[in-house]
């Protein structure tokens, strides 16, 4: 009977060791290599595996939604926002010039694939809504305008076919040139803020931009929330599994088969005579028995219980004080786990709070401050005529990036316009309210209408000269004037009330929410620390 009890305890110890070593109560992503006989443990293990599967699915779907957000932002939103294609108005265009510039433009036609196509530039003339005849450069879509609108004249290509074969690209350009010969009339779209920009068609609408970003963002938020939820459910199931005891089967019950938990039989020679089982020395059973004074037979009362770790703890039934100490250690381990979890969450929440705070500062400096200080929302629309456009001779310094300084020539433009009452006024033209906020109160030689700041001086000079050609003396175009100060005139309003409202609202809401979450998690973390030291 004693020998049977000893072998039964030995088998349970090996089963428990195997379970701890291969992850029975360990991480969620390890596979259990033992056969569970306890229905409660089997149910908890099933929940853990189910939550881990849902956790993995949520992670994959959240990653897909994030990828969709990035792809839609780069392919749809960025060209629409930077070209302002939604403001383009429909008109009728006539081709005035269609010729190959002689440039061969390189393009990427796939992975490890590069090709090139000839550049076709088409100039058109059209009448705006006021009946004024303007000329501009034609682009197929807003993507082409976004990519080639700021380039030199020889690189302003109306279409960009990019097949693997160069001959196919040449044929595509030739067909496009044949469809839009000189004198051909067709529907087109022009930019009221920049009459040089003309599109054949608008590739994306407001609904395209809204739905592409809304559903991908909504999916990312939902699956990120499910990811966090299933993570904590999986963690809870793991903790519950780690604290469940292993029940030792009674004598004669079916347990592990050879080769599963027990090693195969010893292949060497064995003696036919049974050897007497000798118990180990008294002090090796429980080194603290001499201090506690407990005297109990060790072999029938010993049992094993899994703990969070890879160590097997032997416990006796008669040690009441040790049981209390063991439960105290369990509570301390749980408090330590909660402390680590809350500490990580506090760090993440604090970083997000700092990010929202940075967004408030950036939006306030770049959007709200120019709008408020220049009062640009009250500017009225009118028609301006360039009275004088000249270079002042000053070179304005600018920062073109980290450890990068550049400069650009200062171009000053004075215009004349009629206000709402029909009175003719004169003013100084500025590109946007940001330029007005920066240079509006400076001397005349530093009232620069535009401020290109590339690394190269030549690029900046060329952009200023192009701007001067577009707004030469006698040119007429739409503009905005300040009723409170008739000397301030804008070419376009960069930010609207919606931009200011949404830029501050969502960043402020994010800051308040995550600041409260940070404080809450910090208090929970502090409570977990007190629970650990109690």
Protein backbone atom coordinates (compact mmCIF):
# COMPACT_ATOMS: atom_id res chain seq x y z
CA UNK A 1 0.00 0.00 0.00
CA UNK A 2 2.82 2.40 0.89
CA UNK A 3 4.66 1.57 -2.32
CA UNK A 4 1.50 2.18 -4.37
CA UNK A 5 0.99 5.58 -2.70
CA UNK A 6 4.60 6.56 -3.38
CA UNK A 7 4.36 5.64 -7.08
CA UNK A 8 1.01 7.42 -7.36
CA UNK A 9 2.51 10.61 -5.89
CA UNK A 10 5.53 10.27 -8.17
CA UNK A 11 3.31 10.03 -11.25
CA UNK A 12 1.33 13.09 -10.18
CA UNK A 13 4.55 15.03 -9.62
CA UNK A 14 5.81 14.11 -13.10
CA UNK A 15 2.47 15.04 -14.64
CA UNK A 16 2.52 18.41 -12.85
CA UNK A 17 6.13 19.08 -13.88
CA UNK A 18 5.33 18.25 -17.49
CA UNK A 19 2.31 20.51 -17.37
CA UNK A 20 4.31 23.44 -15.99
CA UNK A 21 7.24 22.90 -18.33
CA UNK A 22 5.14 22.74 -21.49
CA UNK A 23 2.81 25.62 -20.55
CA UNK A 24 -0.29 24.07 -18.96
CA UNK A 25 -0.61 27.12 -16.72
CA UNK A 26 1.73 29.35 -18.66
CA UNK A 27 1.44 31.62 -21.67
CA UNK A 28 -1.55 31.63 -23.92
CA UNK A 29 0.40 30.85 -27.07
CA UNK A 30 1.99 27.58 -25.90
CA UNK A 31 0.47 24.25 -26.71
CA UNK A 32 -0.41 21.93 -23.87
CA UNK A 33 1.21 18.51 -24.20
CA UNK A 34 -0.63 16.79 -21.39
CA UNK A 35 -4.01 15.10 -21.30
CA UNK A 36 -6.44 16.89 -18.98
CA UNK A 37 -8.68 14.63 -16.95
CA UNK A 38 -10.24 17.30 -14.72
CA UNK A 39 -13.37 18.70 -16.42
CA UNK A 40 -12.92 22.11 -14.76
CA UNK A 41 -9.36 22.46 -16.03
CA UNK A 42 -10.43 21.21 -19.44
CA UNK A 43 -13.16 23.89 -19.60
CA UNK A 44 -10.77 26.66 -18.56
CA UNK A 45 -8.20 25.44 -21.10
CA UNK A 46 -10.87 25.52 -23.82
CA UNK A 47 -11.79 29.09 -22.92
CA UNK A 48 -8.13 30.09 -23.00
CA UNK A 49 -7.62 28.62 -26.46
CA UNK A 50 -10.85 30.20 -27.72
CA UNK A 51 -9.87 33.63 -26.42
CA UNK A 52 -6.41 33.27 -27.92
CA UNK A 53 -7.93 32.47 -31.32
CA UNK A 54 -10.19 35.52 -31.11
CA UNK A 55 -7.23 37.59 -29.93
CA UNK A 56 -5.19 36.55 -32.95
CA UNK A 57 -8.11 37.22 -35.33
CA UNK A 58 -8.67 40.69 -33.83
CA UNK A 59 -4.97 41.48 -34.18
CA UNK A 60 -4.95 40.48 -37.85
CA UNK A 61 -8.13 42.44 -38.65
CA UNK A 62 -6.90 45.52 -36.77
CA UNK A 63 -3.66 45.35 -38.77
CA UNK A 64 -5.63 45.06 -42.02
CA UNK A 65 -7.77 48.09 -41.10
CA UNK A 66 -4.65 50.08 -40.24
CA UNK A 67 -3.11 49.13 -43.58
CA UNK A 68 -6.33 50.19 -45.32
CA UNK A 69 -6.24 53.55 -43.51
CA UNK A 70 -2.67 54.18 -44.66
CA UNK A 71 -3.35 53.06 -48.23
CA UNK A 72 -6.53 55.17 -48.55
CA UNK A 73 -4.82 58.16 -46.96
CA UNK A 74 -1.90 58.03 -49.40
CA UNK A 75 -3.87 57.10 -52.53
CA UNK A 76 -7.12 59.06 -52.07
CA UNK A 77 -7.02 61.65 -49.31
CA UNK A 78 -3.55 63.11 -49.89
CA UNK A 79 -4.05 64.00 -53.60
CA UNK A 80 -7.50 65.43 -52.89
CA UNK A 81 -6.35 67.57 -49.96
CA UNK A 82 -3.11 68.84 -51.45
CA UNK A 83 -4.64 69.69 -54.85
CA UNK A 84 -7.99 70.83 -53.38
CA UNK A 85 -9.68 68.99 -56.22
CA UNK A 86 -13.14 69.14 -54.62
CA UNK A 87 -13.19 72.91 -55.26
CA UNK A 88 -12.53 72.53 -59.00
CA UNK A 89 -15.36 73.83 -61.15
CA UNK A 90 -16.63 72.47 -64.44
CA UNK A 91 -16.11 74.31 -67.71
CA UNK A 92 -15.30 73.72 -71.39
CA UNK A 93 -11.67 73.52 -72.49
CA UNK A 94 -10.05 73.89 -75.90
CA UNK A 95 -6.65 72.40 -76.66
CA UNK A 96 -4.18 75.11 -77.71
CA UNK A 97 -0.98 73.09 -77.69
CA UNK A 98 -0.18 69.35 -77.45
CA UNK A 99 3.42 68.31 -77.89
CA UNK A 100 6.01 65.88 -76.56
CA UNK A 101 8.54 67.71 -74.40
CA UNK A 102 11.34 65.27 -75.17
CA UNK A 103 11.63 64.11 -71.57
CA UNK A 104 11.64 60.39 -70.79
CA UNK A 105 10.05 59.92 -67.37
CA UNK A 106 11.03 56.90 -65.29
CA UNK A 107 8.32 54.94 -63.49
CA UNK A 108 7.97 51.78 -61.45
CA UNK A 109 5.79 49.13 -63.07
CA UNK A 110 6.00 46.54 -60.31
CA UNK A 111 8.37 44.71 -58.03
CA UNK A 112 11.88 44.76 -59.55
CA UNK A 113 10.37 46.41 -62.64
CA UNK A 114 11.23 49.85 -64.03
CA UNK A 115 9.98 51.45 -67.20
CA UNK A 116 9.68 54.87 -68.83
CA UNK A 117 7.26 56.86 -70.97
CA UNK A 118 7.47 60.02 -73.11
CA UNK A 119 6.13 63.19 -71.50
CA UNK A 120 3.13 64.75 -73.25
CA UNK A 121 2.23 68.32 -72.24
CA UNK A 122 -1.12 69.83 -73.23
CA UNK A 123 -2.06 73.49 -72.84
CA UNK A 124 -5.73 74.49 -72.88
CA UNK A 125 -7.84 77.62 -72.77
CA UNK A 126 -11.18 77.96 -71.00
CA UNK A 127 -13.66 80.49 -69.67
CA UNK A 128 -14.33 80.66 -65.92
CA UNK A 129 -17.71 81.36 -64.32
CA UNK A 130 -17.22 85.13 -64.78
CA UNK A 131 -16.55 84.70 -68.50
CA UNK A 132 -12.83 85.51 -68.25
CA UNK A 133 -10.66 83.51 -70.63
CA UNK A 134 -7.75 81.72 -68.93
CA UNK A 135 -5.08 79.29 -70.01
CA UNK A 136 -3.73 76.35 -68.07
CA UNK A 137 -1.90 73.03 -68.15
CA UNK A 138 -4.04 69.92 -68.51
CA UNK A 139 -3.71 66.86 -66.25
CA UNK A 140 -5.66 63.65 -66.49
CA UNK A 141 -6.64 63.37 -62.79
CA UNK A 142 -5.80 64.96 -59.45
CA UNK A 143 -3.19 62.24 -58.94
CA UNK A 144 -1.28 63.47 -61.96
CA UNK A 145 -1.69 67.07 -60.82
CA UNK A 146 -0.43 66.17 -57.34
CA UNK A 147 2.61 64.38 -58.75
CA UNK A 148 3.57 66.62 -61.68
CA UNK A 149 1.88 69.97 -61.07
CA UNK A 150 4.86 71.57 -59.30
CA UNK A 151 7.50 70.29 -61.73
CA UNK A 152 9.14 72.11 -64.63
CA UNK A 153 7.22 72.65 -67.85
CA UNK A 154 9.02 69.78 -69.60
CA UNK A 155 7.92 67.38 -66.86
CA UNK A 156 4.26 68.39 -66.54
CA UNK A 157 2.90 65.27 -68.19
CA UNK A 158 -0.83 64.98 -68.76
CA UNK A 159 -0.83 61.17 -68.58
CA UNK A 160 1.57 58.58 -67.16
CA UNK A 161 1.19 55.05 -68.60
CA UNK A 162 3.62 52.66 -66.95
CA UNK A 163 3.59 49.21 -68.52
CA UNK A 164 6.59 46.93 -68.61
CA UNK A 165 7.06 47.54 -72.33
CA UNK A 166 8.29 50.99 -73.33
CA UNK A 167 6.64 50.64 -76.74
CA UNK A 168 3.24 50.09 -75.11
CA UNK A 169 3.75 53.28 -73.12
CA UNK A 170 4.62 55.20 -76.27
CA UNK A 171 1.50 53.86 -78.00
CA UNK A 172 -0.68 54.88 -75.06
CA UNK A 173 0.73 58.43 -75.10
CA UNK A 174 0.24 58.65 -78.88
CA UNK A 175 -3.40 57.55 -78.58
CA UNK A 176 -3.99 60.13 -75.85
CA UNK A 177 -2.44 62.86 -78.03
CA UNK A 178 -4.67 61.80 -80.93
CA UNK A 179 -7.77 62.04 -78.72
CA UNK A 180 -6.94 65.62 -77.66
CA UNK A 181 -5.51 67.33 -80.75
CA UNK A 182 -5.15 71.09 -81.13
CA UNK A 183 -8.58 72.71 -81.45
CA UNK A 184 -10.45 69.86 -79.71
CA UNK A 185 -13.18 70.99 -77.29
CA UNK A 186 -14.10 68.90 -74.23
CA UNK A 187 -15.42 69.11 -70.68
CA UNK A 188 -12.83 69.84 -68.00
CA UNK A 189 -12.37 71.14 -64.44
CA UNK A 190 -10.37 74.20 -63.41
CA UNK A 191 -9.06 75.44 -60.08
CA UNK A 192 -10.54 78.84 -59.14
CA UNK A 193 -7.59 79.49 -56.80
CA UNK A 194 -4.99 78.66 -59.46
CA UNK A 195 -6.16 79.07 -63.02
CA UNK A 196 -3.12 77.19 -64.34
CA UNK A 197 -4.43 73.86 -62.97
CA UNK A 198 -6.93 72.03 -65.19
CA UNK A 199 -8.20 68.43 -64.90
CA UNK A 200 -9.90 66.21 -67.44
CA UNK A 201 -11.83 64.42 -64.73
CA UNK A 202 -12.07 64.25 -60.95
CA UNK A 203 -11.01 60.78 -59.88
CA UNK A 204 -12.41 60.89 -56.33
CA UNK A 205 -15.38 62.62 -54.73
CA UNK A 206 -16.19 63.62 -51.17
CA UNK A 207 -18.06 60.34 -50.63
CA UNK A 208 -15.03 58.36 -51.77
CA UNK A 209 -12.78 60.14 -49.30
CA UNK A 210 -15.29 59.91 -46.45
CA UNK A 211 -16.13 56.22 -46.82
CA UNK A 212 -12.54 55.15 -47.47
CA UNK A 213 -11.38 56.70 -44.19
CA UNK A 214 -14.52 56.25 -42.08
CA UNK A 215 -14.98 52.50 -42.41
CA UNK A 216 -11.28 51.67 -42.15
CA UNK A 217 -10.96 53.89 -39.07
CA UNK A 218 -14.11 52.45 -37.51
CA UNK A 219 -12.87 48.91 -38.15
CA UNK A 220 -9.49 49.74 -36.62
CA UNK A 221 -11.10 51.19 -33.48
CA UNK A 222 -13.50 48.25 -33.07
CA UNK A 223 -10.93 45.52 -33.60
CA UNK A 224 -8.39 47.32 -31.41
CA UNK A 225 -10.99 47.35 -28.63
CA UNK A 226 -11.70 43.66 -29.18
CA UNK A 227 -7.96 43.01 -29.17
CA UNK A 228 -7.59 44.57 -25.72
CA UNK A 229 -10.74 42.82 -24.44
CA UNK A 230 -9.68 39.34 -25.57
CA UNK A 231 -6.16 39.94 -24.27
CA UNK A 232 -7.47 40.47 -20.74
CA UNK A 233 -9.90 37.56 -21.06
CA UNK A 234 -7.04 35.31 -22.15
CA UNK A 235 -4.89 36.60 -19.31
CA UNK A 236 -7.68 35.95 -16.83
CA UNK A 237 -8.16 32.40 -18.11
CA UNK A 238 -4.42 31.80 -17.83
CA UNK A 239 -4.37 33.06 -14.24
CA UNK A 240 -7.40 30.92 -13.38
CA UNK A 241 -5.75 27.87 -14.90
CA UNK A 242 -2.52 28.50 -13.02
CA UNK A 243 -4.29 28.50 -9.63
CA UNK A 244 -6.33 25.30 -10.15
CA UNK A 245 -4.97 22.27 -8.24
CA UNK A 246 -4.12 18.94 -9.79
CA UNK A 247 -6.29 16.20 -8.33
CA UNK A 248 -4.33 13.00 -7.56
CA UNK A 249 -6.27 9.97 -8.79
CA UNK A 250 -7.10 7.28 -6.21
CA UNK A 251 -5.24 3.95 -6.19
CA UNK A 252 -6.19 1.72 -9.10
CA UNK A 253 -7.55 4.57 -11.25
CA UNK A 254 -6.50 4.89 -14.88
CA UNK A 255 -3.69 7.45 -15.14
CA UNK A 256 -0.92 8.20 -17.55
CA UNK A 257 0.19 5.50 -19.93
CA UNK A 258 3.89 4.68 -20.40
CA UNK A 259 5.40 7.02 -22.93
CA UNK A 260 3.10 9.95 -22.10
CA UNK A 261 4.10 11.20 -18.66
CA UNK A 262 6.34 8.37 -17.52
CA UNK A 263 9.53 7.35 -19.28
CA UNK A 264 9.59 3.95 -21.04
CA UNK A 265 10.59 0.90 -18.96
CA UNK A 266 14.22 0.52 -18.11
CA UNK A 267 15.80 -1.70 -20.81
CA UNK A 268 18.59 -3.09 -18.59
CA UNK A 269 18.61 -6.11 -16.30
CA UNK A 270 16.42 -5.88 -13.23
CA UNK A 271 16.56 -7.96 -10.08
CA UNK A 272 13.55 -10.19 -9.44
CA UNK A 273 13.69 -9.42 -5.75
CA UNK A 274 11.88 -6.33 -4.57
CA UNK A 275 13.97 -3.87 -2.68
CA UNK A 276 12.79 -2.32 0.56
CA UNK A 277 11.70 1.28 0.21
CA UNK A 278 13.65 3.51 2.55
CA UNK A 279 12.28 6.99 3.35
CA UNK A 280 14.68 9.90 3.03
CA UNK A 281 16.13 11.57 6.11
CA UNK A 282 13.68 13.47 8.24
CA UNK A 283 15.13 16.91 7.58
CA UNK A 284 14.94 16.54 3.80
CA UNK A 285 11.19 16.11 3.87
CA UNK A 286 10.47 19.45 5.47
CA UNK A 287 13.40 21.49 6.67
CA UNK A 288 11.10 23.64 8.82
CA UNK A 289 9.49 20.79 10.78
CA UNK A 290 12.06 21.18 13.52
CA UNK A 291 10.96 24.81 13.93
CA UNK A 292 7.23 24.23 13.66
CA UNK A 293 7.15 21.07 15.72
CA UNK A 294 4.85 19.22 13.29
CA UNK A 295 5.21 15.45 13.30
CA UNK A 296 3.31 13.82 10.49
CA UNK A 297 3.86 10.84 8.23
CA UNK A 298 5.10 12.25 4.94
CA UNK A 299 4.17 9.71 2.29
CA UNK A 300 0.37 9.33 2.59
CA UNK A 301 -0.32 13.04 3.13
CA UNK A 302 1.89 14.62 0.50
CA UNK A 303 0.27 16.07 -2.57
CA UNK A 304 1.20 18.45 -5.32
CA UNK A 305 -0.40 21.67 -6.41
CA UNK A 306 0.51 23.69 -9.52
CA UNK A 307 1.78 27.20 -8.99
CA UNK A 308 2.59 30.05 -11.38
CA UNK A 309 6.11 29.00 -12.38
CA UNK A 310 8.11 25.91 -13.27
CA UNK A 311 8.77 24.78 -9.67
CA UNK A 312 6.90 21.97 -7.93
CA UNK A 313 5.91 22.90 -4.37
CA UNK A 314 5.29 20.08 -1.87
CA UNK A 315 2.71 20.87 0.79
CA UNK A 316 1.48 18.93 3.82
CA UNK A 317 -2.09 18.87 5.04
CA UNK A 318 -1.23 19.57 8.67
CA UNK A 319 0.68 22.79 8.14
CA UNK A 320 -2.05 25.35 8.72
CA UNK A 321 0.38 28.22 9.20
CA UNK A 322 2.19 27.27 6.01
CA UNK A 323 -1.10 27.12 4.09
CA UNK A 324 -1.88 30.68 5.18
CA UNK A 325 1.58 31.80 4.17
CA UNK A 326 1.20 30.07 0.82
CA UNK A 327 -2.13 31.81 0.15
CA UNK A 328 -0.51 35.08 1.19
CA UNK A 329 2.22 34.51 -1.37
CA UNK A 330 -0.45 33.80 -4.00
CA UNK A 331 -2.11 37.14 -3.24
CA UNK A 332 1.24 38.92 -3.44
CA UNK A 333 2.00 37.30 -6.78
CA UNK A 334 -1.42 38.33 -8.10
CA UNK A 335 -0.83 41.89 -6.82
CA UNK A 336 2.57 41.94 -8.51
CA UNK A 337 0.96 40.84 -11.78
CA UNK A 338 -1.68 43.54 -11.50
CA UNK A 339 1.01 46.12 -10.74
CA UNK A 340 2.98 45.21 -13.87
CA UNK A 341 -0.16 45.28 -16.01
CA UNK A 342 -1.31 48.66 -14.68
CA UNK A 343 2.20 50.05 -14.97
CA UNK A 344 2.33 49.19 -18.69
CA UNK A 345 -1.13 50.65 -19.22
CA UNK A 346 -0.16 53.84 -17.39
CA UNK A 347 2.89 54.25 -19.65
CA UNK A 348 0.79 53.75 -22.81
CA UNK A 349 -1.94 56.14 -21.62
CA UNK A 350 0.65 58.75 -20.63
CA UNK A 351 2.30 58.53 -24.07
CA UNK A 352 -1.07 58.94 -25.82
CA UNK A 353 -1.87 61.89 -23.53
CA UNK A 354 1.44 63.49 -24.42
CA UNK A 355 0.69 62.92 -28.11
CA UNK A 356 -2.70 64.62 -27.79
CA UNK A 357 -1.06 67.51 -25.93
CA UNK A 358 1.48 67.87 -28.73
CA UNK A 359 -1.36 67.84 -31.28
CA UNK A 360 -3.07 70.68 -29.37
CA UNK A 361 0.14 72.73 -29.40
CA UNK A 362 0.87 72.07 -33.08
CA UNK A 363 -2.70 72.79 -34.22
CA UNK A 364 -2.86 75.89 -32.06
CA UNK A 365 0.39 77.25 -33.49
CA UNK A 366 -0.14 76.37 -37.15
CA UNK A 367 -3.93 76.73 -37.52
CA UNK A 368 -5.63 78.62 -34.70
CA UNK A 369 -3.02 81.33 -34.16
CA UNK A 370 -2.93 82.57 -37.80
CA UNK A 371 -6.73 82.50 -38.02
CA UNK A 372 -7.24 84.43 -34.78
CA UNK A 373 -4.44 86.98 -35.19
CA UNK A 374 -5.31 87.83 -38.81
CA UNK A 375 -9.09 87.39 -38.38
CA UNK A 376 -9.05 85.59 -41.74
CA UNK A 377 -12.52 84.08 -41.29
CA UNK A 378 -14.06 87.54 -41.76
CA UNK A 379 -12.25 88.24 -45.05
CA UNK A 380 -14.56 88.94 -48.00
CA UNK A 381 -14.21 87.59 -51.51
CA UNK A 382 -13.57 89.93 -54.40
CA UNK A 383 -11.62 90.26 -57.67
CA UNK A 384 -8.06 91.62 -57.57
CA UNK A 385 -5.88 93.10 -60.28
CA UNK A 386 -2.11 93.14 -59.91
CA UNK A 387 -0.90 96.74 -59.81
CA UNK A 388 2.81 95.97 -59.32
CA UNK A 389 4.80 92.77 -58.96
CA UNK A 390 8.51 93.11 -58.21
CA UNK A 391 11.43 91.57 -56.31
CA UNK A 392 12.48 93.73 -53.38
CA UNK A 393 16.09 92.54 -53.47
CA UNK A 394 15.92 91.03 -49.98
CA UNK A 395 16.76 87.41 -49.30
CA UNK A 396 14.57 85.93 -46.60
CA UNK A 397 16.03 83.10 -44.51
CA UNK A 398 13.98 80.00 -43.69
CA UNK A 399 14.34 76.58 -42.06
CA UNK A 400 14.00 73.76 -44.58
CA UNK A 401 14.34 70.94 -42.04
CA UNK A 402 16.50 69.69 -39.22
CA UNK A 403 19.96 71.30 -39.45
CA UNK A 404 18.93 72.83 -42.78
CA UNK A 405 18.93 76.55 -43.61
CA UNK A 406 17.86 78.07 -46.90
CA UNK A 407 16.70 81.36 -48.40
CA UNK A 408 14.36 82.70 -51.07
CA UNK A 409 14.01 86.04 -52.91
CA UNK A 410 11.26 88.27 -51.55
CA UNK A 411 8.48 88.98 -54.04
CA UNK A 412 6.09 91.84 -53.18
CA UNK A 413 2.78 92.27 -55.02
CA UNK A 414 0.39 95.17 -54.65
CA UNK A 415 -3.15 94.83 -55.95
CA UNK A 416 -6.28 96.90 -56.46
CA UNK A 417 -9.81 95.68 -55.79
CA UNK A 418 -13.36 96.83 -55.20
CA UNK A 419 -15.01 96.17 -51.83
CA UNK A 420 -18.68 95.44 -51.18
CA UNK A 421 -19.58 99.10 -51.46
CA UNK A 422 -17.87 99.47 -54.83
CA UNK A 423 -14.96 101.50 -53.45
CA UNK A 424 -11.59 100.83 -55.06
CA UNK A 425 -8.84 100.02 -52.59
CA UNK A 426 -5.18 99.09 -52.75
CA UNK A 427 -3.50 96.39 -50.70
CA UNK A 428 -0.55 94.04 -50.35
CA UNK A 429 -1.11 90.51 -51.50
CA UNK A 430 -0.17 87.48 -49.37
CA UNK A 431 -0.40 83.85 -50.34
CA UNK A 432 -2.24 82.64 -47.19
CA UNK A 433 -3.10 83.84 -43.69
CA UNK A 434 0.10 82.22 -42.44
CA UNK A 435 2.16 84.53 -44.63
CA UNK A 436 0.04 87.51 -43.55
CA UNK A 437 0.49 86.60 -39.88
CA UNK A 438 4.26 86.34 -40.31
CA UNK A 439 5.10 89.24 -42.66
CA UNK A 440 2.04 91.50 -42.58
CA UNK A 441 3.51 93.91 -40.01
CA UNK A 442 7.07 93.98 -41.35
CA UNK A 443 8.67 96.56 -43.60
CA UNK A 444 7.72 96.83 -47.26
CA UNK A 445 10.88 95.07 -48.45
CA UNK A 446 10.04 92.01 -46.33
CA UNK A 447 6.31 91.70 -47.12
CA UNK A 448 6.80 88.59 -49.23
CA UNK A 449 3.74 87.19 -50.97
CA UNK A 450 5.06 83.59 -50.92
CA UNK A 451 7.81 81.74 -49.08
CA UNK A 452 9.09 78.59 -50.81
CA UNK A 453 11.71 76.91 -48.64
CA UNK A 454 13.39 74.02 -50.40
CA UNK A 455 16.96 73.03 -49.69
CA UNK A 456 18.11 74.46 -53.03
CA UNK A 457 18.22 78.25 -53.58
CA UNK A 458 17.68 77.72 -57.29
CA UNK A 459 14.45 75.81 -56.69
CA UNK A 460 13.18 78.58 -54.42
CA UNK A 461 14.10 81.25 -56.94
CA UNK A 462 12.40 79.35 -59.74
CA UNK A 463 9.18 78.96 -57.72
CA UNK A 464 9.13 82.67 -56.92
CA UNK A 465 9.62 83.54 -60.60
CA UNK A 466 6.80 81.19 -61.61
CA UNK A 467 4.54 82.83 -59.03
CA UNK A 468 5.48 86.25 -60.40
CA UNK A 469 4.64 85.14 -63.96
CA UNK A 470 1.23 83.81 -62.85
CA UNK A 471 0.41 87.12 -61.09
CA UNK A 472 2.09 89.58 -63.42
CA UNK A 473 1.05 93.20 -63.79
CA UNK A 474 -2.53 93.48 -65.05
CA UNK A 475 -3.52 89.92 -64.18
CA UNK A 476 -7.01 89.50 -62.67
CA UNK A 477 -7.89 86.74 -60.20
CA UNK A 478 -10.03 85.92 -57.18
CA UNK A 479 -8.82 87.15 -53.80
CA UNK A 480 -9.94 87.95 -50.23
CA UNK A 481 -9.70 91.31 -48.48
CA UNK A 482 -10.00 92.35 -44.86
CA UNK A 483 -12.91 94.77 -44.25
CA UNK A 484 -11.23 95.96 -41.04
CA UNK A 485 -7.89 96.65 -42.78
CA UNK A 486 -8.19 97.19 -46.52
CA UNK A 487 -4.42 96.92 -46.96
CA UNK A 488 -4.50 93.16 -46.18
CA UNK A 489 -5.35 90.91 -49.12
CA UNK A 490 -5.12 87.12 -49.34
CA UNK A 491 -4.84 84.99 -52.43
CA UNK A 492 -6.65 82.14 -50.68
CA UNK A 493 -7.86 81.17 -47.22
CA UNK A 494 -5.83 78.18 -46.07
CA UNK A 495 -7.98 77.20 -43.07
CA UNK A 496 -11.70 77.41 -42.42
CA UNK A 497 -13.80 77.30 -39.26
CA UNK A 498 -14.18 73.52 -39.63
CA UNK A 499 -10.42 73.07 -39.71
CA UNK A 500 -9.94 75.08 -36.54
CA UNK A 501 -12.86 73.44 -34.75
CA UNK A 502 -11.99 69.83 -35.51
CA UNK A 503 -8.24 70.25 -35.03
CA UNK A 504 -8.77 71.52 -31.48
CA UNK A 505 -11.87 69.52 -30.54
CA UNK A 506 -10.60 66.00 -31.14
CA UNK A 507 -7.11 66.62 -29.82
CA UNK A 508 -8.59 68.23 -26.67
CA UNK A 509 -11.08 65.37 -26.17
CA UNK A 510 -8.28 62.86 -26.59
CA UNK A 511 -6.15 64.73 -24.07
CA UNK A 512 -8.93 64.89 -21.45
CA UNK A 513 -9.97 61.25 -21.91
CA UNK A 514 -6.48 59.79 -21.80
CA UNK A 515 -5.44 62.09 -18.95
CA UNK A 516 -8.36 60.71 -16.88
CA UNK A 517 -7.44 57.17 -17.92
CA UNK A 518 -3.82 57.82 -16.86
CA UNK A 519 -4.90 59.08 -13.43
CA UNK A 520 -7.27 56.15 -12.96
CA UNK A 521 -4.66 53.56 -13.92
CA UNK A 522 -2.08 55.28 -11.70
CA UNK A 523 -4.43 54.93 -8.72
CA UNK A 524 -5.03 51.27 -9.58
CA UNK A 525 -1.29 50.75 -9.86
CA UNK A 526 -0.80 52.39 -6.46
CA UNK A 527 -3.47 50.14 -4.96
CA UNK A 528 -1.76 47.08 -6.44
CA UNK A 529 1.52 48.17 -4.83
CA UNK A 530 -0.18 48.43 -1.42
CA UNK A 531 -1.70 44.99 -1.96
CA UNK A 532 1.75 43.60 -2.71
CA UNK A 533 3.34 44.91 0.49
CA UNK A 534 0.45 44.11 2.83
